[in-house]
């Protein structure tokens, strides 16, 4: 017990140990503990916003749900770039090439700024039109358009926050990434209620205040990230000579990020299809879905911590020419993840009404949220393994394999199944929730079978 407590303490403080040598279990703990805490902090961004906004109105909560479904494109940019950056950085660190790792970080950050700014300008100017397309009612647009506009305009903060933290994780500095989410989330929690409810000298901005507070928190964390990279306080030290575009390095990051972008786009944009189906049942159903999914994300995002730890170990182990170590790390991480999410699943099924009551007491909204929470969490054990397999492919630089798997499971299978169950078979929103659980389980089985074939071990980065 003392040994594991010592590992936990070292993981929180940060460590300079070499993750390409030594026992796999302790190495996973060292990487995953701060990654799990980092993802928990990121999920709090979503939960805090819904907690405060639910005090405004059901329309405000529904607006958050619609906006977040559209912002999946932004998250896709960030996560896609993060996949490419993490894979290249982890491989360079495993090869002991610190110069190459710094170059890859700069190219990824430059790409992130360019893409996020372009998406933000276009989306913010067309926010009202996009809300109408997604099924927003005139009342929702009138009261909450500002939230959508601010979230789109400030999307560069979330893009860089995700991207730079992926760079830290690939380098083996997850404790730094964790602290950045702590910083951003702490500011968000403190600032949001002042701006939403007009406490003290602050104006009462309603749901728009939640968007402003979120961007202030994330923006502060991003500025701190960039300062750390330039100050030499991480394994990657960006110096003035690195601040140039290197075509060969940028292309390598683009190549992996491009397929990573498509992969995450297929995954996250499938939620747009689900929201469109849910919206046909009214704002109460959509609000319940939003609360349920946000709570599910609160559990799933920490699970990304273990999956990201496995991805980092895979990338560094392959860089050190140790494919057997990479495979061992994946199976170990999958087992740990299944245990954790399995326990969360039991709690969610048993305590769903109480959990939902934290957000809302609306008798029209709560049943939908409870149903979503119970049904979706039933597939957590499968999702735990599927998440680890997917991230491990990415860590190896084999980004196209999970892309094709996501396409089949989420677009070819999940969305048609949701429509069939919810509308054609008249199961209502429950049909959408069932489709989500079935799709998660299918993803895990297919990914596991492909992973066992071992082709990912020959991927070059």
Protein backbone atom coordinates (compact mmCIF):
# COMPACT_ATOMS: atom_id res chain seq x y z
CA UNK A 1 0.00 0.00 0.00
CA UNK A 2 2.80 2.43 0.86
CA UNK A 3 4.34 1.78 -2.54
CA UNK A 4 1.15 2.68 -4.40
CA UNK A 5 0.59 5.75 -2.24
CA UNK A 6 4.15 6.83 -3.03
CA UNK A 7 3.46 6.35 -6.75
CA UNK A 8 0.24 8.35 -6.47
CA UNK A 9 2.06 11.18 -4.72
CA UNK A 10 4.86 11.18 -7.31
CA UNK A 11 2.31 11.20 -10.13
CA UNK A 12 0.58 14.29 -8.72
CA UNK A 13 3.86 16.14 -8.21
CA UNK A 14 5.22 15.19 -11.62
CA UNK A 15 8.08 12.87 -12.45
CA UNK A 16 11.03 12.71 -14.82
CA UNK A 17 11.16 8.90 -14.95
CA UNK A 18 11.65 7.04 -18.24
CA UNK A 19 8.40 5.28 -19.21
CA UNK A 20 10.10 2.98 -21.72
CA UNK A 21 11.67 0.88 -18.96
CA UNK A 22 10.54 -0.78 -15.73
CA UNK A 23 7.25 -2.51 -14.76
CA UNK A 24 4.23 -1.58 -16.86
CA UNK A 25 1.71 -1.33 -13.99
CA UNK A 26 3.47 1.40 -11.99
CA UNK A 27 4.26 3.30 -15.20
CA UNK A 28 0.57 3.31 -16.14
CA UNK A 29 -0.31 4.58 -12.66
CA UNK A 30 2.26 7.36 -12.94
CA UNK A 31 0.83 8.48 -16.28
CA UNK A 32 -2.85 7.80 -15.72
CA UNK A 33 -3.40 9.39 -12.28
CA UNK A 34 -2.81 12.97 -13.48
CA UNK A 35 -4.53 12.18 -16.79
CA UNK A 36 -7.63 10.90 -14.99
CA UNK A 37 -7.69 14.00 -12.79
CA UNK A 38 -7.14 16.18 -15.86
CA UNK A 39 -10.10 14.64 -17.66
CA UNK A 40 -12.23 14.94 -14.52
CA UNK A 41 -11.47 18.64 -14.45
CA UNK A 42 -12.37 19.00 -18.13
CA UNK A 43 -15.68 17.23 -17.55
CA UNK A 44 -16.41 19.69 -14.75
CA UNK A 45 -16.50 22.47 -17.34
CA UNK A 46 -19.55 20.79 -18.84
CA UNK A 47 -21.19 19.85 -15.55
CA UNK A 48 -20.72 23.26 -13.93
CA UNK A 49 -22.24 25.06 -16.91
CA UNK A 50 -25.33 22.82 -16.89
CA UNK A 51 -25.63 23.11 -13.09
CA UNK A 52 -25.74 26.90 -13.22
CA UNK A 53 -27.70 27.19 -16.47
CA UNK A 54 -30.39 24.76 -15.24
CA UNK A 55 -31.29 27.50 -12.72
CA UNK A 56 -32.13 29.81 -15.63
CA UNK A 57 -34.63 27.78 -17.70
CA UNK A 58 -35.21 24.53 -19.61
CA UNK A 59 -34.74 26.50 -22.84
CA UNK A 60 -31.30 27.61 -21.63
CA UNK A 61 -30.28 24.01 -20.90
CA UNK A 62 -31.57 22.91 -24.30
CA UNK A 63 -29.53 25.71 -25.92
CA UNK A 64 -26.40 24.44 -24.20
CA UNK A 65 -27.15 20.98 -25.57
CA UNK A 66 -27.65 22.23 -29.13
CA UNK A 67 -24.57 24.46 -29.00
CA UNK A 68 -22.38 21.70 -27.60
CA UNK A 69 -23.54 19.35 -30.35
CA UNK A 70 -22.42 21.92 -32.93
CA UNK A 71 -19.18 22.61 -31.06
CA UNK A 72 -18.26 18.99 -31.63
CA UNK A 73 -16.67 20.28 -34.84
CA UNK A 74 -14.40 22.50 -32.74
CA UNK A 75 -13.61 19.70 -30.32
CA UNK A 76 -12.85 17.53 -33.33
CA UNK A 77 -10.23 20.01 -34.52
CA UNK A 78 -8.61 20.07 -31.08
CA UNK A 79 -8.70 16.32 -30.52
CA UNK A 80 -7.61 15.55 -34.08
CA UNK A 81 -4.60 17.84 -33.81
CA UNK A 82 -3.94 16.39 -30.37
CA UNK A 83 -3.83 12.87 -31.80
CA UNK A 84 -1.21 13.85 -34.37
CA UNK A 85 0.85 15.92 -31.96
CA UNK A 86 0.78 13.30 -29.21
CA UNK A 87 1.79 10.48 -31.55
CA UNK A 88 4.75 12.38 -33.01
CA UNK A 89 5.88 13.82 -29.67
CA UNK A 90 5.65 10.46 -27.89
CA UNK A 91 7.62 8.73 -30.67
CA UNK A 92 10.33 11.43 -30.64
CA UNK A 93 10.59 11.25 -26.84
CA UNK A 94 10.92 7.47 -27.02
CA UNK A 95 13.73 7.97 -29.55
CA UNK A 96 15.35 10.55 -27.21
CA UNK A 97 14.94 13.24 -29.88
CA UNK A 98 14.00 16.34 -27.83
CA UNK A 99 14.60 18.71 -30.76
CA UNK A 100 12.15 16.80 -32.93
CA UNK A 101 9.56 16.83 -30.16
CA UNK A 102 9.79 20.62 -29.80
CA UNK A 103 9.46 21.11 -33.56
CA UNK A 104 6.35 18.93 -33.67
CA UNK A 105 4.77 20.90 -30.83
CA UNK A 106 5.26 24.24 -32.62
CA UNK A 107 3.81 22.98 -35.91
CA UNK A 108 0.75 21.54 -34.14
CA UNK A 109 0.08 24.76 -32.20
CA UNK A 110 0.34 26.85 -35.38
CA UNK A 111 -2.15 24.60 -37.14
CA UNK A 112 -4.49 24.79 -34.17
CA UNK A 113 -4.57 28.60 -34.15
CA UNK A 114 -5.20 28.86 -37.90
CA UNK A 115 -7.99 26.28 -38.02
CA UNK A 116 -9.74 27.39 -34.82
CA UNK A 117 -9.76 31.05 -35.85
CA UNK A 118 -11.23 30.20 -39.26
CA UNK A 119 -13.96 27.98 -37.82
CA UNK A 120 -14.77 30.47 -35.07
CA UNK A 121 -15.29 33.45 -37.38
CA UNK A 122 -17.56 31.59 -39.80
CA UNK A 123 -19.61 29.86 -37.08
CA UNK A 124 -20.08 32.95 -34.88
CA UNK A 125 -21.38 34.99 -37.82
CA UNK A 126 -23.89 32.25 -38.68
CA UNK A 127 -24.85 31.21 -35.15
CA UNK A 128 -28.58 31.97 -35.48
CA UNK A 129 -28.88 30.08 -38.74
CA UNK A 130 -27.05 27.08 -37.28
CA UNK A 131 -29.34 27.05 -34.23
CA UNK A 132 -32.42 26.99 -36.47
CA UNK A 133 -31.00 24.11 -38.49
CA UNK A 134 -30.46 22.17 -35.24
CA UNK A 135 -34.11 22.61 -34.28
CA UNK A 136 -33.89 25.49 -31.78
CA UNK A 137 -37.21 27.19 -31.06
CA UNK A 138 -37.69 30.96 -31.52
CA UNK A 139 -37.79 31.35 -27.71
CA UNK A 140 -34.45 29.56 -27.35
CA UNK A 141 -32.84 31.75 -30.01
CA UNK A 142 -34.20 34.95 -28.51
CA UNK A 143 -32.98 34.19 -24.99
CA UNK A 144 -29.75 32.28 -25.63
CA UNK A 145 -28.23 33.26 -28.99
CA UNK A 146 -25.43 35.10 -27.18
CA UNK A 147 -24.25 31.85 -25.57
CA UNK A 148 -23.80 30.19 -28.96
CA UNK A 149 -22.06 33.22 -30.48
CA UNK A 150 -19.57 33.57 -27.60
CA UNK A 151 -18.76 29.85 -27.52
CA UNK A 152 -18.01 29.84 -31.25
CA UNK A 153 -16.02 33.10 -31.17
CA UNK A 154 -13.85 31.88 -28.30
CA UNK A 155 -13.29 28.36 -29.55
CA UNK A 156 -9.54 28.91 -29.96
CA UNK A 157 -9.24 28.61 -26.17
CA UNK A 158 -10.62 25.07 -26.02
CA UNK A 159 -8.69 24.07 -29.15
CA UNK A 160 -5.33 25.11 -27.72
CA UNK A 161 -6.16 23.80 -24.25
CA UNK A 162 -6.82 20.31 -25.60
CA UNK A 163 -3.95 20.45 -28.08
CA UNK A 164 -1.17 21.64 -25.77
CA UNK A 165 -2.26 19.22 -23.06
CA UNK A 166 -1.95 16.42 -25.64
CA UNK A 167 1.61 17.58 -26.27
CA UNK A 168 2.38 17.45 -22.54
CA UNK A 169 0.88 13.95 -22.30
CA UNK A 170 2.85 12.66 -25.28
CA UNK A 171 6.04 13.97 -23.71
CA UNK A 172 5.29 12.21 -20.42
CA UNK A 173 4.32 15.37 -18.48
CA UNK A 174 0.69 14.59 -17.58
CA UNK A 175 0.95 16.39 -14.22
CA UNK A 176 1.42 19.71 -16.03
CA UNK A 177 -1.63 19.06 -18.20
CA UNK A 178 -3.60 18.23 -15.07
CA UNK A 179 -2.66 21.50 -13.37
CA UNK A 180 -3.73 23.48 -16.42
CA UNK A 181 -7.23 21.97 -16.25
CA UNK A 182 -7.35 22.67 -12.52
CA UNK A 183 -6.50 26.29 -13.17
CA UNK A 184 -9.00 26.78 -15.97
CA UNK A 185 -11.79 24.96 -14.16
CA UNK A 186 -11.28 26.81 -10.88
CA UNK A 187 -11.63 30.15 -12.69
CA UNK A 188 -14.72 28.87 -14.53
CA UNK A 189 -16.44 27.74 -11.32
CA UNK A 190 -15.79 31.07 -9.59
CA UNK A 191 -16.57 33.43 -12.48
CA UNK A 192 -19.66 31.78 -14.02
CA UNK A 193 -22.23 32.44 -11.27
CA UNK A 194 -21.20 36.11 -11.07
CA UNK A 195 -21.79 36.58 -14.79
CA UNK A 196 -24.90 34.39 -15.07
CA UNK A 197 -26.83 35.80 -12.11
CA UNK A 198 -25.34 39.31 -11.91
CA UNK A 199 -23.84 38.96 -8.44
CA UNK A 200 -22.32 42.13 -7.01
CA UNK A 201 -21.12 44.66 -9.62
CA UNK A 202 -21.37 42.17 -12.50
CA UNK A 203 -24.19 42.42 -15.07
CA UNK A 204 -26.80 39.62 -15.19
CA UNK A 205 -25.97 37.94 -18.51
CA UNK A 206 -27.92 34.71 -18.10
CA UNK A 207 -26.76 31.77 -20.17
CA UNK A 208 -24.35 34.05 -22.11
CA UNK A 209 -22.44 34.59 -18.87
CA UNK A 210 -21.70 30.86 -18.74
CA UNK A 211 -20.01 31.08 -22.14
CA UNK A 212 -17.94 34.11 -21.14
CA UNK A 213 -16.85 32.50 -17.86
CA UNK A 214 -15.87 29.27 -19.59
CA UNK A 215 -13.72 31.10 -22.13
CA UNK A 216 -12.05 33.22 -19.45
CA UNK A 217 -11.07 30.07 -17.54
CA UNK A 218 -9.82 28.21 -20.58
CA UNK A 219 -8.01 31.24 -21.98
CA UNK A 220 -6.08 31.78 -18.74
CA UNK A 221 -5.01 28.12 -18.76
CA UNK A 222 -3.82 28.38 -22.38
CA UNK A 223 -1.62 31.40 -21.66
CA UNK A 224 -0.07 29.50 -18.78
CA UNK A 225 0.55 26.45 -20.99
CA UNK A 226 2.44 28.53 -23.55
CA UNK A 227 4.53 30.13 -20.82
CA UNK A 228 5.53 26.69 -19.48
CA UNK A 229 6.54 25.45 -22.95
CA UNK A 230 8.73 28.51 -23.47
CA UNK A 231 10.26 28.55 -20.00
CA UNK A 232 11.79 25.06 -19.99
CA UNK A 233 9.60 23.81 -17.14
CA UNK A 234 8.49 20.72 -19.09
CA UNK A 235 10.23 17.95 -21.02
CA UNK A 236 9.54 19.96 -24.18
CA UNK A 237 11.33 23.31 -24.28
CA UNK A 238 10.31 25.53 -27.17
CA UNK A 239 13.02 28.05 -27.99
CA UNK A 240 13.11 30.94 -30.41
CA UNK A 241 14.78 28.84 -33.10
CA UNK A 242 11.78 26.51 -33.12
CA UNK A 243 9.33 29.31 -34.02
CA UNK A 244 9.48 28.67 -37.76
CA UNK A 245 7.44 26.46 -40.03
CA UNK A 246 9.24 23.23 -40.94
CA UNK A 247 7.39 21.69 -43.93
CA UNK A 248 8.47 18.10 -43.34
CA UNK A 249 7.53 18.16 -39.65
CA UNK A 250 4.29 20.02 -40.32
CA UNK A 251 3.32 17.49 -42.96
CA UNK A 252 3.96 14.62 -40.56
CA UNK A 253 1.73 16.25 -37.94
CA UNK A 254 -0.86 17.11 -40.62
CA UNK A 255 -0.89 13.55 -41.93
CA UNK A 256 -1.67 12.07 -38.55
CA UNK A 257 -3.90 14.94 -37.47
CA UNK A 258 -5.89 14.80 -40.70
CA UNK A 259 -6.94 11.20 -40.20
CA UNK A 260 -7.34 11.91 -36.49
CA UNK A 261 -9.64 14.81 -37.37
CA UNK A 262 -11.77 12.58 -39.57
CA UNK A 263 -11.82 9.92 -36.88
CA UNK A 264 -13.05 12.24 -34.14
CA UNK A 265 -15.38 14.04 -36.57
CA UNK A 266 -17.12 10.77 -37.34
CA UNK A 267 -17.41 10.04 -33.63
CA UNK A 268 -18.49 13.43 -32.28
CA UNK A 269 -20.60 14.56 -35.23
CA UNK A 270 -22.72 11.46 -34.77
CA UNK A 271 -24.07 13.25 -31.70
CA UNK A 272 -25.48 15.91 -34.02
CA UNK A 273 -27.56 13.20 -35.65
CA UNK A 274 -28.69 11.95 -32.26
CA UNK A 275 -29.63 15.48 -31.13
CA UNK A 276 -31.62 15.95 -34.32
CA UNK A 277 -33.62 12.80 -33.57
CA UNK A 278 -34.12 13.80 -29.92
CA UNK A 279 -35.24 17.34 -30.83
CA UNK A 280 -38.30 15.93 -32.61
CA UNK A 281 -39.67 15.02 -29.17
CA UNK A 282 -39.51 18.60 -27.82
CA UNK A 283 -37.33 20.76 -25.57
CA UNK A 284 -38.07 18.70 -22.43
CA UNK A 285 -36.65 15.55 -24.03
CA UNK A 286 -33.69 17.50 -25.38
CA UNK A 287 -33.00 19.06 -21.97
CA UNK A 288 -33.16 15.60 -20.33
CA UNK A 289 -30.80 14.19 -22.95
CA UNK A 290 -28.39 17.10 -22.36
CA UNK A 291 -28.32 16.53 -18.59
CA UNK A 292 -27.93 12.77 -18.98
CA UNK A 293 -25.16 12.94 -21.58
CA UNK A 294 -23.28 15.66 -19.68
CA UNK A 295 -23.32 13.41 -16.60
CA UNK A 296 -22.16 10.44 -18.66
CA UNK A 297 -19.32 12.56 -20.03
CA UNK A 298 -18.34 13.32 -16.44
CA UNK A 299 -17.65 9.59 -16.02
CA UNK A 300 -16.23 8.89 -19.47
CA UNK A 301 -13.70 11.73 -19.64
CA UNK A 302 -11.68 10.44 -16.67
CA UNK A 303 -11.63 7.06 -18.44
CA UNK A 304 -9.85 8.87 -21.26
CA UNK A 305 -7.05 9.36 -18.74
CA UNK A 306 -6.24 5.66 -18.63
CA UNK A 307 -6.69 5.40 -22.39
CA UNK A 308 -4.32 8.33 -22.96
CA UNK A 309 -1.79 6.79 -20.58
CA UNK A 310 -1.85 3.63 -22.69
CA UNK A 311 -1.44 5.71 -25.87
CA UNK A 312 1.58 7.53 -24.45
CA UNK A 313 3.21 4.26 -23.42
CA UNK A 314 2.50 2.73 -26.84
CA UNK A 315 4.09 5.67 -28.68
CA UNK A 316 7.15 5.82 -26.45
CA UNK A 317 7.61 2.03 -26.38
CA UNK A 318 7.47 1.80 -30.18
CA UNK A 319 9.96 4.67 -30.39
CA UNK A 320 12.24 2.65 -28.09
CA UNK A 321 11.73 -0.49 -30.28
CA UNK A 322 9.74 -2.36 -27.59
CA UNK A 323 6.42 -3.46 -29.21
CA UNK A 324 5.79 -6.18 -26.60
CA UNK A 325 5.83 -3.56 -23.85
CA UNK A 326 3.34 -1.50 -25.84
CA UNK A 327 0.90 -4.40 -26.11
CA UNK A 328 1.21 -5.26 -22.42
CA UNK A 329 0.40 -1.66 -21.51
CA UNK A 330 -2.80 -1.72 -23.57
CA UNK A 331 -4.25 -4.88 -22.00
CA UNK A 332 -3.35 -3.70 -18.52
CA UNK A 333 -4.93 -0.30 -19.08
CA UNK A 334 -8.07 -1.92 -20.51
CA UNK A 335 -8.48 -4.06 -17.39
CA UNK A 336 -8.02 -1.08 -15.07
CA UNK A 337 -10.49 0.98 -17.11
CA UNK A 338 -13.15 -1.74 -17.09
CA UNK A 339 -12.94 -2.02 -13.31
CA UNK A 340 -13.33 1.74 -12.83
CA UNK A 341 -16.15 2.29 -15.33
CA UNK A 342 -17.90 -0.89 -14.22
CA UNK A 343 -18.14 0.51 -10.69
CA UNK A 344 -19.40 3.85 -12.02
CA UNK A 345 -22.02 2.04 -14.10
CA UNK A 346 -23.45 0.34 -11.03
CA UNK A 347 -23.66 3.66 -9.20
CA UNK A 348 -25.34 5.42 -12.12
CA UNK A 349 -27.96 2.72 -12.56
CA UNK A 350 -28.76 2.67 -8.82
CA UNK A 351 -28.62 6.40 -8.12
CA UNK A 352 -29.80 7.94 -11.42
CA UNK A 353 -32.88 9.77 -9.98
CA UNK A 354 -30.85 11.31 -7.18
CA UNK A 355 -28.05 12.37 -9.56
CA UNK A 356 -30.54 13.98 -11.94
CA UNK A 357 -32.20 15.82 -9.03
CA UNK A 358 -28.95 17.76 -8.56
CA UNK A 359 -29.58 19.41 -11.93
CA UNK A 360 -33.36 19.68 -12.18
CA UNK A 361 -36.64 19.02 -10.39
CA UNK A 362 -38.72 19.60 -13.50
CA UNK A 363 -41.09 16.59 -13.69
CA UNK A 364 -41.11 16.78 -17.50
CA UNK A 365 -37.31 16.80 -17.88
CA UNK A 366 -36.09 14.50 -15.08
CA UNK A 367 -37.55 11.20 -16.44
CA UNK A 368 -35.71 11.62 -19.74
CA UNK A 369 -32.43 12.40 -17.98
CA UNK A 370 -32.81 9.42 -15.64
CA UNK A 371 -33.54 7.06 -18.53
CA UNK A 372 -30.54 8.34 -20.48
CA UNK A 373 -28.22 7.92 -17.52
CA UNK A 374 -29.29 4.36 -16.76
CA UNK A 375 -29.39 3.01 -20.29
CA UNK A 376 -26.15 4.56 -21.57
CA UNK A 377 -24.11 3.68 -18.48
CA UNK A 378 -25.09 0.01 -18.90
CA UNK A 379 -22.49 -0.21 -21.68
CA UNK A 380 -19.61 1.34 -19.73
CA UNK A 381 -17.55 -1.86 -19.34
CA UNK A 382 -17.47 -2.40 -23.10
CA UNK A 383 -16.75 1.27 -23.70
CA UNK A 384 -13.80 1.09 -21.27
CA UNK A 385 -11.96 -1.43 -23.44
CA UNK A 386 -13.01 0.21 -26.71
CA UNK A 387 -11.63 3.55 -25.59
CA UNK A 388 -8.25 2.07 -24.65
CA UNK A 389 -7.97 0.18 -27.96
CA UNK A 390 -8.85 3.29 -29.99
CA UNK A 391 -6.37 5.55 -28.23
CA UNK A 392 -3.65 2.91 -28.46
CA UNK A 393 -4.02 2.76 -32.24
CA UNK A 394 -3.62 6.55 -32.24
CA UNK A 395 -0.59 6.42 -29.95
CA UNK A 396 1.04 4.07 -32.42
CA UNK A 397 0.30 6.46 -35.28
CA UNK A 398 -2.23 4.04 -36.84
CA UNK A 399 -4.98 6.64 -36.98
CA UNK A 400 -6.91 5.25 -39.96
CA UNK A 401 -7.89 1.97 -38.27
CA UNK A 402 -10.03 3.59 -35.55
CA UNK A 403 -11.35 6.03 -38.17
CA UNK A 404 -12.93 3.24 -40.20
CA UNK A 405 -14.19 1.51 -37.06
CA UNK A 406 -15.83 4.75 -35.86
CA UNK A 407 -17.46 5.27 -39.26
CA UNK A 408 -19.03 1.83 -39.19
CA UNK A 409 -20.14 1.88 -35.56
CA UNK A 410 -21.42 5.44 -35.22
CA UNK A 411 -22.68 6.55 -38.63
CA UNK A 412 -23.50 3.36 -40.52
CA UNK A 413 -24.92 1.64 -37.43
CA UNK A 414 -25.78 3.97 -34.50
CA UNK A 415 -27.72 6.78 -36.19
CA UNK A 416 -29.95 4.53 -38.33
CA UNK A 417 -30.56 2.34 -35.28
CA UNK A 418 -31.52 5.41 -33.21
CA UNK A 419 -33.99 6.53 -35.88
CA UNK A 420 -35.41 3.01 -36.22
CA UNK A 421 -35.95 2.52 -32.48
CA UNK A 422 -37.03 6.06 -31.56
CA UNK A 423 -39.30 6.96 -34.47
CA UNK A 424 -40.14 3.93 -36.58
CA UNK A 425 -40.67 1.56 -33.61
CA UNK A 426 -42.07 4.45 -31.53
CA UNK A 427 -39.77 3.92 -28.53
CA UNK A 428 -39.16 7.66 -28.24
CA UNK A 429 -35.95 9.01 -26.68
CA UNK A 430 -35.30 5.63 -25.02
CA UNK A 431 -34.60 4.26 -28.49
CA UNK A 432 -31.79 6.80 -28.94
CA UNK A 433 -30.26 5.89 -25.57
CA UNK A 434 -30.36 2.17 -26.42
CA UNK A 435 -28.70 2.83 -29.78
CA UNK A 436 -25.85 4.66 -28.02
CA UNK A 437 -25.21 1.72 -25.66
CA UNK A 438 -25.29 -0.85 -28.47
CA UNK A 439 -22.89 1.23 -30.58
CA UNK A 440 -20.38 1.57 -27.70
CA UNK A 441 -20.42 -2.20 -27.18
CA UNK A 442 -19.97 -2.94 -30.87
CA UNK A 443 -17.02 -0.54 -31.05
CA UNK A 444 -15.26 -2.39 -28.22
CA UNK A 445 -15.67 -5.83 -29.78
CA UNK A 446 -14.54 -4.77 -33.27
CA UNK A 447 -11.57 -2.75 -31.95
CA UNK A 448 -10.40 -5.64 -29.78
CA UNK A 449 -10.44 -8.09 -32.68
CA UNK A 450 -8.47 -5.72 -34.90
CA UNK A 451 -5.99 -4.90 -32.13
CA UNK A 452 -5.12 -8.59 -31.64
CA UNK A 453 -3.97 -8.78 -35.28
CA UNK A 454 -1.02 -6.52 -34.36
CA UNK A 455 -0.56 -4.52 -37.56
CA UNK A 456 -0.38 -1.30 -35.54
CA UNK A 457 3.11 -2.35 -34.36
CA UNK A 458 4.56 -1.70 -37.84
CA UNK A 459 3.23 1.87 -38.18
CA UNK A 460 5.88 4.51 -38.91
CA UNK A 461 5.67 8.05 -37.49
